[in-house]
Amino acid sequence: NKKIDFSILLSYGFRPFFLLAPIYLILLIFLWGAFWSGWLPLSFASNPLQWHMYEMLFGVTSAMMIGFILTAVPELYENEKPIVGKVLLGLILLWIAGRVSFWFMDWLGVYVVAITNIPLLIWVVVLIAKPILQDPLRRQHSLAVLFLAISGMQTWFFMAQLDWVDSDPAAILKASVGMFMVLVLLAARRINTEAINHWLNQNHIDATYLARPPRYNMAIFTIILYTLVEYFYPHNSALSWLAFAVMAAVLNTLNDFFLEEDPIFLRPFVWPLFMILITLAVGYGAIGWDYLQDEIYALNHFRHFLTMGTLGMAYFMVLIIVTHIHTGRDLIPSYWVGLGALLILAGASLRAVGGFIWPEHNQLMIGLSVIVWASPFIGFLIIYSKWLLKPRVDGLPG
């Protein structure tokens, strides 16, 4: 039975990585909690805050990225076989090696952490490059380019940590947040189109959802522009207005949800996808507002809203939707999905505003926020992990 389960786990990219990502996400919260409380005496190369940012961004998101792209490519290109078996196992082991080396950094050194982390996304791009590059319509070129860009940001961060380049590692991580927000938009456009139309068809609603590329491209352009200006001119007064431009461009993408046939943005499985874009707009809007304030400095709080709110909601909905569809199930409404989305919003909001509204209770707010925020991922493992370990219910391979 164990052998059969193992073969099922390696039968499609989303299965192992969508099991590992929430497990590690939950484990990370407790490990960082132990570290910040002084129970885990590690130095993290004397800069724990930067490494905290790194692992929360690259450590967790890399698993989500790999699970997503290895599942998407065979679906987008009919003749492309999925990455399975030994190659998939190799990716899993390399990802695990990266996580282990990170937590043993004090003994292994930054070089080993770099060597075990940098090749992963590059390997993934090599595996998926052929069908994407051969596509005459160039439909997925942007995803491949962004994967390489994120891998480049990761490499740049390690080079800065090792003093190979004269760059501020913290500034690189802030710029990386922008790249991950671009990733959210690229993934959302594809997932929203597939998932919402799947739901419309399943419920016999005569309507078609279109995530219009020009709207998303404008939002992506504004995020990249803001990110570049923030890196090269971090104190420029134009950053406020650029952040507001991001907010406006992202809000414009919401027009796709207002169908004449049905107000789908209020529907189960749809409103959390709607909220991914709302949190992205609110996060940048709050950053823009912060730049205009003289008495308040809460940029880091609002960046947490982007990472916990936007990325967190994207993690959760990708896990839920892909696990439903690619295990052969319909998108059946569930109170748990709605509750999980609300808990992520609540946790991100507590982390973003609790600390500076009640500074005397900052540690309490952080503790509450991570517990509330992690709860949906614990619920995902309890409810859905068995789906990832069993064959598709419709009898199809994968």
Protein backbone atom coordinates (compact mmCIF):
# COMPACT_ATOMS: atom_id res chain seq x y z
CA ASN A 1 0.00 0.00 0.00
CA LYS A 2 2.83 2.38 0.81
CA LYS A 3 4.36 1.72 -2.60
CA ILE A 4 1.04 2.45 -4.32
CA ASP A 5 0.59 5.66 -2.34
CA PHE A 6 4.11 6.75 -3.21
CA SER A 7 3.51 6.16 -6.92
CA ILE A 8 0.30 8.20 -6.72
CA LEU A 9 2.14 11.02 -4.96
CA LEU A 10 4.63 11.16 -7.83
CA SER A 11 1.98 10.95 -10.56
CA TYR A 12 1.58 14.73 -10.99
CA GLY A 13 3.49 17.81 -9.87
CA PHE A 14 0.78 19.34 -7.72
CA ARG A 15 0.42 16.29 -5.47
CA PRO A 16 3.75 16.33 -3.57
CA PHE A 17 4.34 20.08 -3.66
CA PHE A 18 0.82 21.00 -2.60
CA LEU A 19 1.25 18.62 0.31
CA LEU A 20 4.70 19.91 1.26
CA ALA A 21 3.95 23.64 0.90
CA PRO A 22 1.24 23.92 3.61
CA ILE A 23 3.13 21.52 5.90
CA TYR A 24 6.25 23.67 5.67
CA LEU A 25 4.24 26.87 5.94
CA ILE A 26 2.78 25.74 9.25
CA LEU A 27 6.15 24.44 10.46
CA LEU A 28 7.78 27.75 9.53
CA ILE A 29 5.43 29.69 11.76
CA PHE A 30 6.35 27.60 14.79
CA LEU A 31 10.07 27.63 13.97
CA TRP A 32 10.16 31.40 13.56
CA GLY A 33 8.04 31.80 16.65
CA ALA A 34 10.56 29.73 18.59
CA PHE A 35 13.43 31.75 17.12
CA TRP A 36 11.97 35.20 17.88
CA SER A 37 11.09 34.00 21.38
CA GLY A 38 14.70 32.98 22.00
CA TRP A 39 13.97 29.26 22.21
CA LEU A 40 15.85 28.49 18.98
CA PRO A 41 19.36 29.98 19.34
CA LEU A 42 20.42 30.55 15.72
CA SER A 43 22.26 33.54 14.25
CA PHE A 44 21.21 33.30 10.57
CA ALA A 45 24.46 34.93 9.46
CA SER A 46 23.81 37.75 11.96
CA ASN A 47 20.81 39.05 9.99
CA PRO A 48 17.75 37.00 10.95
CA LEU A 49 15.19 39.51 9.66
CA GLN A 50 16.50 39.31 6.10
CA TRP A 51 16.60 35.53 6.20
CA HIS A 52 13.09 35.47 7.64
CA MET A 53 11.94 37.50 4.62
CA TYR A 54 13.88 35.25 2.27
CA GLU A 55 12.46 31.96 3.49
CA MET A 56 8.88 33.16 3.75
CA LEU A 57 9.12 34.42 0.16
CA PHE A 58 11.34 31.93 -1.65
CA GLY A 59 11.13 28.85 0.55
CA VAL A 60 7.35 28.48 0.58
CA THR A 61 6.48 30.14 -2.72
CA SER A 62 8.95 28.01 -4.69
CA ALA A 63 6.97 24.89 -3.74
CA MET A 64 3.72 26.55 -4.81
CA MET A 65 5.30 27.75 -8.07
CA ILE A 66 6.62 24.31 -8.95
CA GLY A 67 3.37 22.55 -8.13
CA PHE A 68 1.44 25.09 -10.21
CA ILE A 69 3.64 25.15 -13.31
CA LEU A 70 4.22 21.38 -13.48
CA THR A 71 0.44 20.93 -13.44
CA ALA A 72 -0.34 23.79 -15.82
CA VAL A 73 2.07 22.97 -18.66
CA PRO A 74 0.63 19.51 -19.54
CA GLU A 75 -2.85 21.04 -19.42
CA LEU A 76 -1.89 23.92 -21.72
CA TYR A 77 0.04 21.79 -24.22
CA GLU A 78 -1.78 18.59 -25.17
CA ASN A 79 1.25 16.63 -26.37
CA GLU A 80 3.41 17.51 -23.37
CA LYS A 81 3.86 14.70 -20.87
CA PRO A 82 3.78 15.64 -17.17
CA ILE A 83 6.92 15.57 -15.05
CA VAL A 84 6.52 12.46 -12.89
CA GLY A 85 8.46 9.68 -11.18
CA LYS A 86 12.19 10.03 -10.59
CA VAL A 87 12.50 13.54 -12.05
CA LEU A 88 9.68 14.78 -9.84
CA LEU A 89 11.27 13.02 -6.88
CA GLY A 90 14.55 14.79 -7.67
CA LEU A 91 12.80 18.16 -7.56
CA ILE A 92 11.21 17.26 -4.23
CA LEU A 93 14.53 16.19 -2.71
CA LEU A 94 16.28 19.34 -3.94
CA TRP A 95 13.54 21.52 -2.46
CA ILE A 96 13.80 19.66 0.86
CA ALA A 97 17.60 19.97 0.78
CA GLY A 98 17.19 23.72 0.37
CA ARG A 99 14.93 23.93 3.39
CA VAL A 100 17.20 21.77 5.56
CA SER A 101 20.32 23.73 4.56
CA PHE A 102 18.51 26.96 5.42
CA TRP A 103 17.79 25.90 9.00
CA PHE A 104 21.33 24.55 9.43
CA MET A 105 22.89 27.68 7.94
CA ASP A 106 24.90 28.38 11.10
CA TRP A 107 26.82 25.13 10.58
CA LEU A 108 26.73 24.72 6.79
CA GLY A 109 27.29 28.34 5.79
CA VAL A 110 25.60 30.59 3.24
CA TYR A 111 27.46 28.98 0.31
CA VAL A 112 25.75 25.63 0.91
CA VAL A 113 22.36 27.32 1.29
CA ALA A 114 22.91 29.07 -2.05
CA ILE A 115 24.04 25.89 -3.82
CA THR A 116 21.00 23.93 -2.64
CA ASN A 117 18.48 26.67 -3.41
CA ILE A 118 19.49 28.48 -6.60
CA PRO A 119 19.38 25.51 -9.04
CA LEU A 120 15.79 24.50 -8.21
CA LEU A 121 13.78 27.04 -10.22
CA ILE A 122 16.36 26.98 -13.02
CA TRP A 123 15.88 23.20 -13.29
CA VAL A 124 12.11 23.68 -13.41
CA VAL A 125 12.41 26.24 -16.22
CA VAL A 126 14.62 23.84 -18.19
CA LEU A 127 11.99 21.10 -17.78
CA ILE A 128 9.11 23.25 -19.01
CA ALA A 129 10.96 25.42 -21.55
CA LYS A 130 10.52 23.32 -24.71
CA PRO A 131 6.72 23.48 -25.18
CA ILE A 132 6.60 27.11 -24.05
CA LEU A 133 9.34 28.25 -26.44
CA GLN A 134 7.93 26.22 -29.35
CA ASP A 135 4.46 27.72 -28.96
CA PRO A 136 4.01 30.05 -31.97
CA LEU A 137 1.41 32.06 -30.04
CA ARG A 138 3.86 32.65 -27.14
CA ARG A 139 0.99 32.26 -24.68
CA GLN A 140 3.08 31.31 -21.65
CA HIS A 141 6.35 33.12 -22.37
CA SER A 142 5.63 35.62 -19.61
CA LEU A 143 5.43 32.86 -16.99
CA ALA A 144 8.75 31.34 -18.06
CA VAL A 145 10.41 34.77 -18.09
CA LEU A 146 9.04 35.55 -14.63
CA PHE A 147 10.30 32.23 -13.25
CA LEU A 148 13.76 33.14 -14.54
CA ALA A 149 13.43 36.66 -13.11
CA ILE A 150 12.51 35.32 -9.67
CA SER A 151 15.41 32.86 -9.86
CA GLY A 152 17.63 35.79 -10.82
CA MET A 153 16.42 37.79 -7.82
CA GLN A 154 17.22 34.82 -5.59
CA THR A 155 20.73 34.52 -7.07
CA TRP A 156 21.27 38.27 -6.71
CA PHE A 157 20.23 38.08 -3.05
CA PHE A 158 22.79 35.36 -2.33
CA MET A 159 25.50 37.24 -4.22
CA ALA A 160 24.77 40.30 -2.06
CA GLN A 161 24.86 38.20 1.11
CA LEU A 162 28.25 36.80 0.08
CA ASP A 163 29.53 40.31 -0.81
CA TRP A 164 30.03 39.34 -4.45
CA VAL A 165 28.03 42.41 -5.50
CA ASP A 166 27.59 45.78 -3.85
CA SER A 167 23.84 45.57 -3.29
CA ASP A 168 21.59 45.79 -0.26
CA PRO A 169 20.03 42.34 0.38
CA ALA A 170 17.02 43.93 2.09
CA ALA A 171 16.34 46.10 -0.97
CA ILE A 172 16.55 43.01 -3.19
CA LEU A 173 13.98 41.25 -1.02
CA LYS A 174 11.64 44.25 -1.22
CA ALA A 175 12.00 44.18 -5.01
CA SER A 176 11.29 40.44 -4.90
CA VAL A 177 7.93 41.18 -3.28
CA GLY A 178 7.06 43.12 -6.42
CA MET A 179 8.05 40.17 -8.61
CA PHE A 180 5.87 37.83 -6.57
CA MET A 181 2.95 40.24 -6.93
CA VAL A 182 3.45 40.08 -10.71
CA LEU A 183 3.42 36.29 -10.38
CA VAL A 184 0.09 36.51 -8.55
CA LEU A 185 -1.40 38.51 -11.42
CA LEU A 186 -0.08 36.16 -14.11
CA ALA A 187 -1.30 33.11 -12.21
CA ALA A 188 -4.63 34.74 -11.32
CA ARG A 189 -5.42 35.53 -14.94
CA ARG A 190 -4.96 31.89 -15.89
CA ILE A 191 -6.53 30.30 -12.81
CA ASN A 192 -9.50 32.66 -12.76
CA THR A 193 -10.27 31.93 -16.41
CA GLU A 194 -10.12 28.15 -15.95
CA ALA A 195 -11.74 27.91 -12.51
CA ILE A 196 -14.56 30.42 -13.01
CA ASN A 197 -15.55 29.04 -16.41
CA HIS A 198 -15.38 25.53 -14.94
CA TRP A 199 -17.74 26.69 -12.18
CA LEU A 200 -20.08 28.46 -14.65
CA ASN A 201 -20.30 25.36 -16.83
CA GLN A 202 -20.77 23.11 -13.82
CA ASN A 203 -23.70 25.26 -12.64
CA HIS A 204 -25.23 25.57 -16.15
CA ILE A 205 -24.82 29.35 -16.24
CA ASP A 206 -24.76 30.62 -19.82
CA ALA A 207 -21.89 33.05 -19.44
CA THR A 208 -18.18 33.21 -20.15
CA TYR A 209 -15.59 34.80 -17.89
CA LEU A 210 -12.68 36.51 -19.62
CA ALA A 211 -9.67 37.80 -17.69
CA ARG A 212 -8.70 40.43 -20.24
CA PRO A 213 -4.91 40.61 -20.78
CA PRO A 214 -4.69 44.41 -21.36
CA ARG A 215 -6.04 45.10 -17.87
CA TYR A 216 -3.62 42.67 -16.25
CA ASN A 217 -0.73 43.91 -18.38
CA MET A 218 -1.33 47.47 -17.19
CA ALA A 219 -1.39 46.31 -13.56
CA ILE A 220 1.83 44.35 -14.10
CA PHE A 221 3.48 47.36 -15.74
CA THR A 222 2.63 49.63 -12.80
CA ILE A 223 3.96 47.09 -10.26
CA ILE A 224 7.23 46.73 -12.16
CA LEU A 225 7.55 50.51 -12.44
CA TYR A 226 6.88 50.98 -8.72
CA THR A 227 9.37 48.20 -7.86
CA LEU A 228 12.13 49.74 -10.00
CA VAL A 229 11.64 53.23 -8.56
CA GLU A 230 11.50 51.85 -5.01
CA TYR A 231 14.80 50.03 -5.52
CA PHE A 232 16.75 52.82 -7.23
CA TYR A 233 15.07 55.83 -5.55
CA PRO A 234 13.67 54.53 -2.23
CA HIS A 235 12.92 58.00 -0.86
CA ASN A 236 11.39 59.51 -3.99
CA SER A 237 8.08 61.26 -3.38
CA ALA A 238 6.71 59.80 -6.62
CA LEU A 239 6.47 56.39 -4.92
CA SER A 240 3.19 57.40 -3.30
CA TRP A 241 1.56 58.14 -6.64
CA LEU A 242 3.06 55.07 -8.28
CA ALA A 243 1.58 52.93 -5.50
CA PHE A 244 -1.80 54.58 -6.10
CA ALA A 245 -1.37 53.84 -9.82
CA VAL A 246 -0.87 50.16 -8.97
CA MET A 247 -4.03 50.26 -6.87
CA ALA A 248 -6.05 51.81 -9.70
CA ALA A 249 -4.71 49.40 -12.31
CA VAL A 250 -5.43 46.34 -10.15
CA LEU A 251 -8.94 47.59 -9.34
CA ASN A 252 -9.53 47.90 -13.08
CA THR A 253 -9.06 44.12 -13.45
CA LEU A 254 -12.14 43.62 -11.25
CA ASN A 255 -14.36 44.76 -14.13
CA ASP A 256 -13.99 41.27 -15.60
CA PHE A 257 -16.04 39.86 -12.72
CA PHE A 258 -19.13 41.97 -13.46
CA LEU A 259 -20.93 39.79 -15.99
CA GLU A 260 -24.33 40.86 -17.28
CA GLU A 261 -25.66 37.31 -16.90
CA ASP A 262 -24.67 36.78 -13.28
CA PRO A 263 -22.99 38.75 -10.42
CA ILE A 264 -20.34 36.06 -10.10
CA PHE A 265 -18.08 37.97 -7.71
CA LEU A 266 -20.47 37.04 -4.89
CA ARG A 267 -20.47 33.33 -5.72
CA PRO A 268 -18.65 30.55 -3.80
CA PHE A 269 -15.14 29.88 -5.11
CA VAL A 270 -15.31 33.19 -7.01
CA TRP A 271 -15.34 35.85 -4.28
CA PRO A 272 -12.02 34.64 -2.76
CA LEU A 273 -10.45 34.99 -6.23
CA PHE A 274 -11.96 38.48 -6.34
CA MET A 275 -10.41 39.18 -2.93
CA ILE A 276 -6.91 38.27 -4.14
CA LEU A 277 -7.07 41.32 -6.39
CA ILE A 278 -8.74 43.44 -3.70
CA THR A 279 -5.95 42.70 -1.20
CA LEU A 280 -3.34 43.50 -3.83
CA ALA A 281 -4.98 46.85 -4.54
CA VAL A 282 -5.50 47.67 -0.86
CA GLY A 283 -1.89 46.75 -0.02
CA TYR A 284 -0.41 49.12 -2.58
CA GLY A 285 -3.01 51.77 -1.75
CA ALA A 286 -1.99 51.60 1.92
CA ILE A 287 1.68 51.89 0.93
CA GLY A 288 0.86 54.97 -1.15
CA TRP A 289 -1.05 56.49 1.77
CA ASP A 290 1.86 55.77 4.12
CA TYR A 291 4.28 57.74 1.95
CA LEU A 292 2.06 60.81 2.39
CA GLN A 293 2.13 60.62 6.20
CA ASP A 294 4.78 62.38 8.26
CA GLU A 295 3.94 60.88 11.66
CA ILE A 296 3.41 57.27 10.58
CA TYR A 297 5.86 54.77 9.11
CA ALA A 298 4.11 51.47 8.48
CA LEU A 299 5.51 50.34 5.13
CA ASN A 300 6.67 47.01 6.55
CA HIS A 301 3.22 46.41 8.03
CA PHE A 302 1.59 47.01 4.67
CA ARG A 303 4.13 44.79 2.89
CA HIS A 304 3.02 42.08 5.30
CA PHE A 305 -0.52 42.67 4.06
CA LEU A 306 0.70 41.97 0.52
CA THR A 307 2.60 38.84 1.50
CA MET A 308 0.09 37.47 4.02
CA GLY A 309 -3.07 38.80 2.35
CA THR A 310 -2.41 38.62 -1.39
CA LEU A 311 0.13 35.78 -1.47
CA GLY A 312 -1.66 33.94 1.34
CA MET A 313 -5.04 34.10 -0.41
CA ALA A 314 -3.41 33.07 -3.70
CA TYR A 315 -1.72 30.09 -1.98
CA PHE A 316 -5.00 28.99 -0.43
CA MET A 317 -7.15 29.28 -3.54
CA VAL A 318 -4.58 27.63 -5.81
CA LEU A 319 -4.34 24.73 -3.35
CA ILE A 320 -8.13 24.39 -3.18
CA ILE A 321 -8.97 24.81 -6.88
CA VAL A 322 -6.16 22.72 -8.34
CA THR A 323 -6.75 19.95 -5.81
CA HIS A 324 -10.45 19.86 -6.70
CA ILE A 325 -10.11 19.96 -10.47
CA HIS A 326 -7.04 17.77 -10.86
CA THR A 327 -8.32 15.00 -8.60
CA GLY A 328 -11.42 14.78 -10.80
CA ARG A 329 -13.86 16.67 -8.57
CA ASP A 330 -16.32 19.48 -9.20
CA LEU A 331 -15.93 22.83 -7.46
CA ILE A 332 -18.57 22.09 -4.86
CA PRO A 333 -19.33 25.01 -2.49
CA SER A 334 -17.93 24.50 0.97
CA TYR A 335 -18.29 26.57 4.10
CA TRP A 336 -14.67 25.73 4.85
CA VAL A 337 -13.37 27.49 1.73
CA GLY A 338 -15.21 30.69 2.62
CA LEU A 339 -14.15 30.48 6.25
CA GLY A 340 -10.54 29.83 5.27
CA ALA A 341 -10.51 32.88 3.00
CA LEU A 342 -11.97 35.05 5.77
CA LEU A 343 -9.36 33.78 8.25
CA ILE A 344 -6.55 34.66 5.86
CA LEU A 345 -7.98 38.17 5.48
CA ALA A 346 -8.33 38.48 9.25
CA GLY A 347 -4.78 37.25 9.92
CA ALA A 348 -3.28 39.57 7.31
CA SER A 349 -5.27 42.53 8.65
CA LEU A 350 -4.18 41.85 12.23
CA ARG A 351 -0.55 41.73 11.12
CA ALA A 352 -0.85 44.86 8.97
CA VAL A 353 -2.63 47.24 11.33
CA GLY A 354 -2.61 45.66 14.79
CA GLY A 355 1.00 46.47 15.55
CA PHE A 356 0.90 50.21 14.95
CA ILE A 357 -2.65 50.77 16.20
CA TRP A 358 -1.84 48.97 19.47
CA PRO A 359 1.99 49.13 19.66
CA GLU A 360 1.93 48.09 23.32
CA HIS A 361 0.38 44.78 22.21
CA ASN A 362 2.52 44.27 19.10
CA GLN A 363 3.77 40.79 20.03
CA LEU A 364 0.25 39.68 20.89
CA MET A 365 -1.03 40.97 17.54
CA ILE A 366 1.73 39.13 15.68
CA GLY A 367 1.00 35.92 17.57
CA LEU A 368 -2.73 36.14 16.94
CA SER A 369 -2.26 36.99 13.29
CA VAL A 370 -0.07 33.99 12.51
CA ILE A 371 -2.37 31.58 14.36
CA VAL A 372 -5.44 32.90 12.54
CA TRP A 373 -3.61 33.02 9.21
CA ALA A 374 -2.21 29.49 9.50
CA SER A 375 -5.57 27.93 10.41
CA PRO A 376 -6.86 27.58 6.82
CA PHE A 377 -3.71 25.72 5.79
CA ILE A 378 -4.06 23.36 8.74
CA GLY A 379 -7.65 22.82 7.63
CA PHE A 380 -6.50 22.17 4.06
CA LEU A 381 -4.20 19.39 5.25
CA ILE A 382 -6.92 17.83 7.40
CA ILE A 383 -9.55 17.89 4.66
CA TYR A 384 -7.66 17.62 1.39
CA SER A 385 -4.40 15.76 2.05
CA LYS A 386 -6.13 12.41 1.52
CA TRP A 387 -7.22 13.60 -1.95
CA LEU A 388 -3.57 14.23 -2.84
CA LEU A 389 -2.61 10.72 -1.73
CA LYS A 390 -5.37 8.87 -3.61
CA PRO A 391 -6.10 8.37 -7.34
CA ARG A 392 -8.45 10.69 -9.21
CA VAL A 393 -12.08 9.88 -8.52
CA ASP A 394 -12.94 10.04 -12.24
CA GLY A 395 -10.43 7.32 -13.11
CA LEU A 396 -8.26 9.53 -15.31
CA PRO A 397 -4.46 9.49 -14.92
CA GLY A 398 -2.73 12.19 -12.93
